[in-house]
N, C-alpha and C. Protein backbone atom coordinates (compact mmCIF):
# COMPACT_ATOMS: atom_id res chain seq x y z
N MET A 1 -1.45 -8.45 3.46
CA MET A 1 -1.27 -9.74 2.87
C MET A 1 -2.58 -9.23 2.04
N LEU A 2 -2.60 -9.60 0.94
CA LEU A 2 -4.21 -9.51 -0.26
C LEU A 2 -4.61 -10.77 -0.71
N ASN A 3 -5.61 -10.76 -0.14
CA ASN A 3 -6.72 -12.11 -0.38
C ASN A 3 -6.75 -12.74 -1.98
N GLN A 4 -6.31 -13.01 -2.70
CA GLN A 4 -6.12 -12.78 -4.85
C GLN A 4 -5.32 -14.15 -4.69
N LYS A 5 -5.24 -14.71 -5.49
CA LYS A 5 -4.13 -15.62 -5.72
C LYS A 5 -3.31 -14.65 -6.95
N LYS A 6 -1.93 -15.22 -6.70
CA LYS A 6 -0.67 -14.95 -7.13
C LYS A 6 -1.38 -14.34 -8.78
N SER A 7 -1.63 -15.64 -8.88
CA SER A 7 -1.01 -15.35 -10.60
C SER A 7 -1.95 -14.80 -11.33
N ASP A 8 -3.47 -14.56 -10.68
CA ASP A 8 -4.23 -13.26 -10.98
C ASP A 8 -3.36 -11.94 -9.92
N LEU A 9 -2.63 -12.16 -9.51
CA LEU A 9 -2.33 -10.68 -8.87
C LEU A 9 -1.82 -10.00 -10.48
N VAL A 10 0.00 -11.29 -11.11
CA VAL A 10 0.55 -10.99 -12.02
C VAL A 10 -0.28 -9.91 -13.06
N LYS A 11 -0.99 -11.39 -13.72
CA LYS A 11 -2.08 -10.90 -15.42
C LYS A 11 -2.49 -9.43 -15.11
N GLU A 12 -3.46 -8.94 -13.59
CA GLU A 12 -4.00 -7.85 -14.22
C GLU A 12 -3.41 -7.03 -13.93
N LYS A 13 -2.37 -6.85 -12.69
CA LYS A 13 -0.84 -6.01 -12.77
C LYS A 13 -1.57 -4.37 -12.23
N LEU A 14 -1.59 -4.30 -11.35
CA LEU A 14 -2.75 -3.98 -10.38
C LEU A 14 -1.90 -2.48 -9.99
N THR A 15 -2.33 -1.83 -9.89
CA THR A 15 -0.96 -0.75 -9.63
C THR A 15 -1.45 0.32 -8.14
N ILE A 16 -1.31 -0.16 -7.08
CA ILE A 16 -1.23 -0.25 -5.98
C ILE A 16 0.09 1.44 -4.65
N TRP A 17 -1.31 1.51 -4.36
CA TRP A 17 -0.52 2.81 -3.52
C TRP A 17 -0.77 3.09 -2.33
N VAL A 18 0.74 3.50 -1.43
CA VAL A 18 0.96 3.55 -0.46
C VAL A 18 0.75 5.53 -0.06
N LYS A 19 0.44 5.56 1.02
CA LYS A 19 0.41 6.54 1.66
C LYS A 19 0.03 6.81 3.46
N ILE A 20 0.17 7.30 4.31
CA ILE A 20 1.81 7.55 5.47
C ILE A 20 1.45 8.99 5.33
N ALA A 21 0.66 9.33 6.20
CA ALA A 21 0.19 11.06 6.91
C ALA A 21 0.43 11.00 8.47
N ASN A 22 0.91 11.82 9.38
CA ASN A 22 1.05 12.46 10.97
C ASN A 22 0.99 14.07 10.53
N ASP A 23 0.46 14.31 11.65
CA ASP A 23 0.34 15.90 12.60
C ASP A 23 0.56 17.23 11.00
N LYS A 24 1.73 16.44 10.13
CA LYS A 24 1.80 18.31 9.59
C LYS A 24 2.72 16.87 8.31
N GLU A 25 2.68 16.24 7.73
CA GLU A 25 2.84 16.00 6.38
C GLU A 25 2.15 14.28 6.07
N THR A 26 1.58 14.86 4.39
CA THR A 26 1.83 13.13 3.62
C THR A 26 2.04 13.03 2.71
N LEU A 27 2.16 11.54 2.72
CA LEU A 27 2.99 11.12 1.77
C LEU A 27 2.71 10.35 0.84
N TYR A 28 2.77 9.64 -0.72
CA TYR A 28 2.11 8.38 -1.75
C TYR A 28 3.69 8.01 -2.53
N THR A 29 3.69 6.83 -2.21
CA THR A 29 4.47 5.72 -3.12
C THR A 29 3.59 4.77 -3.14
N LYS A 30 4.59 4.75 -5.19
CA LYS A 30 3.47 3.16 -5.48
C LYS A 30 4.12 2.08 -5.60
N VAL A 31 3.59 1.11 -4.95
CA VAL A 31 4.51 -0.27 -4.81
C VAL A 31 4.45 -0.58 -6.22
N GLN A 32 5.32 -1.74 -6.46
CA GLN A 32 7.08 -1.21 -7.88
C GLN A 32 6.56 -2.97 -7.69
N GLU A 33 6.58 -3.30 -9.17
CA GLU A 33 5.78 -5.23 -9.39
C GLU A 33 6.49 -5.72 -8.66
N ASN A 34 7.49 -5.64 -8.08
CA ASN A 34 8.63 -7.01 -7.20
C ASN A 34 7.86 -6.93 -5.84
N GLY A 35 6.90 -6.15 -6.01
CA GLY A 35 5.58 -5.81 -4.38
C GLY A 35 6.56 -4.62 -2.91
N ARG A 36 8.12 -4.14 -3.13
CA ARG A 36 8.65 -3.19 -2.77
C ARG A 36 7.37 -2.16 -3.26
N PHE A 37 7.99 -1.40 -1.37
CA PHE A 37 7.88 0.75 -1.56
C PHE A 37 8.39 0.99 -0.46
N GLU A 38 9.09 1.72 -0.98
CA GLU A 38 10.02 2.52 0.15
C GLU A 38 9.29 4.70 -0.25
N PHE A 39 9.86 5.14 1.08
CA PHE A 39 9.46 6.28 1.66
C PHE A 39 10.59 6.70 1.79
N LYS A 40 11.37 7.43 1.57
CA LYS A 40 12.98 7.59 1.57
C LYS A 40 12.85 9.46 2.19
N GLU A 41 13.90 9.46 3.71
CA GLU A 41 14.06 10.52 3.72
C GLU A 41 13.11 10.59 5.44
N LEU A 42 11.65 9.51 5.60
CA LEU A 42 11.80 9.45 6.32
C LEU A 42 11.03 9.93 8.07
N LYS A 43 11.02 11.17 8.88
CA LYS A 43 10.98 11.55 9.53
C LYS A 43 10.66 10.88 10.58
N PRO A 44 11.09 10.04 12.21
CA PRO A 44 11.11 9.84 12.92
C PRO A 44 9.34 10.19 13.49
N GLY A 45 8.69 8.80 14.24
CA GLY A 45 7.29 9.75 14.73
C GLY A 45 6.28 8.62 14.36
N GLN A 46 5.37 8.41 15.22
CA GLN A 46 3.87 7.65 15.37
C GLN A 46 3.30 8.42 12.94
N TRP A 47 2.86 7.13 12.39
CA TRP A 47 2.43 7.98 11.19
C TRP A 47 1.39 6.32 11.16
N GLN A 48 0.34 7.42 10.49
CA GLN A 48 -0.76 6.52 10.14
C GLN A 48 -0.35 5.85 8.92
N ILE A 49 -1.06 4.78 8.20
CA ILE A 49 -0.40 3.41 6.85
C ILE A 49 -1.56 3.55 5.91
N ASP A 50 -2.13 3.92 4.69
CA ASP A 50 -3.20 3.46 4.30
C ASP A 50 -2.79 2.73 2.92
N VAL A 51 -3.16 1.40 2.42
CA VAL A 51 -2.97 0.49 1.28
C VAL A 51 -4.10 1.45 0.58
N SER A 52 -3.66 1.24 -0.79
CA SER A 52 -5.17 1.58 -1.73
C SER A 52 -4.73 0.70 -2.70
N ILE A 53 -5.93 0.41 -3.88
CA ILE A 53 -6.08 -1.46 -4.82
C ILE A 53 -6.09 -0.27 -5.97
N GLN A 54 -5.07 0.62 -6.76
CA GLN A 54 -6.81 1.87 -7.90
C GLN A 54 -7.92 0.74 -9.16
N GLY A 55 -7.82 1.06 -8.72
CA GLY A 55 -10.07 0.76 -9.79
C GLY A 55 -10.03 -0.63 -9.12
N ASN A 56 -10.40 -0.52 -7.53
CA ASN A 56 -10.30 -2.29 -6.72
C ASN A 56 -12.03 -1.70 -6.81
N THR A 57 -12.53 -2.87 -7.12
CA THR A 57 -14.15 -2.61 -6.63
C THR A 57 -14.11 -3.90 -6.14
N ASP A 58 -13.32 -3.84 -5.04
CA ASP A 58 -14.30 -4.70 -4.34
C ASP A 58 -13.38 -6.27 -4.57
N ARG A 59 -12.63 -6.11 -5.20
CA ARG A 59 -12.64 -8.03 -5.20
C ARG A 59 -11.22 -8.34 -4.80
N TYR A 60 -10.83 -7.32 -3.58
CA TYR A 60 -9.16 -7.73 -3.52
C TYR A 60 -9.50 -7.64 -2.41
N GLN A 61 -8.70 -8.21 -1.36
CA GLN A 61 -8.85 -7.41 0.15
C GLN A 61 -7.39 -7.21 1.30
N ILE A 62 -7.01 -6.35 1.96
CA ILE A 62 -6.12 -6.89 2.12
C ILE A 62 -6.11 -7.16 3.71
N GLU A 63 -5.66 -8.17 4.09
CA GLU A 63 -5.81 -9.01 5.56
C GLU A 63 -4.38 -8.75 6.20
N ASN A 64 -4.55 -8.55 7.27
CA ASN A 64 -3.54 -8.30 8.93
C ASN A 64 -2.29 -7.25 8.85
N PHE A 65 -3.74 -6.52 8.78
CA PHE A 65 -3.16 -5.04 8.55
C PHE A 65 -3.31 -4.19 9.58
N ASN A 66 -1.77 -3.83 9.97
CA ASN A 66 -1.77 -2.53 11.45
C ASN A 66 -1.08 -0.88 10.42
N PRO A 67 -2.66 0.05 11.41
CA PRO A 67 -2.24 1.09 9.75
C PRO A 67 -1.39 2.20 11.21
N LEU A 68 -0.70 1.46 12.04
CA LEU A 68 0.32 2.53 12.22
C LEU A 68 1.09 1.72 12.58
N ILE A 69 2.59 3.27 12.61
CA ILE A 69 3.31 2.21 11.88
C ILE A 69 4.50 3.79 12.75
C-alpha cells in the first residue's frame, strides 16, 4: 500500500511499474489507473516481485511488501 493520501495520488497520476523475475526470465507490467495489474501466462514457480514508482523522489513508500510470490 502506498503511504500517501489518495487524493494526492489521483492528482499526480503516478506511473507504477511491477517487475517479476525468476532464474530464467524477467517480466514488467504497468499498473492501470484503477490500481490493477496482471501478468498473462505466468509460469508456475517462485518469483521475486518488485514495485517502482516512475519519477519517485522518495515521497512515496510501499508498505507491507512481501517480495516473494
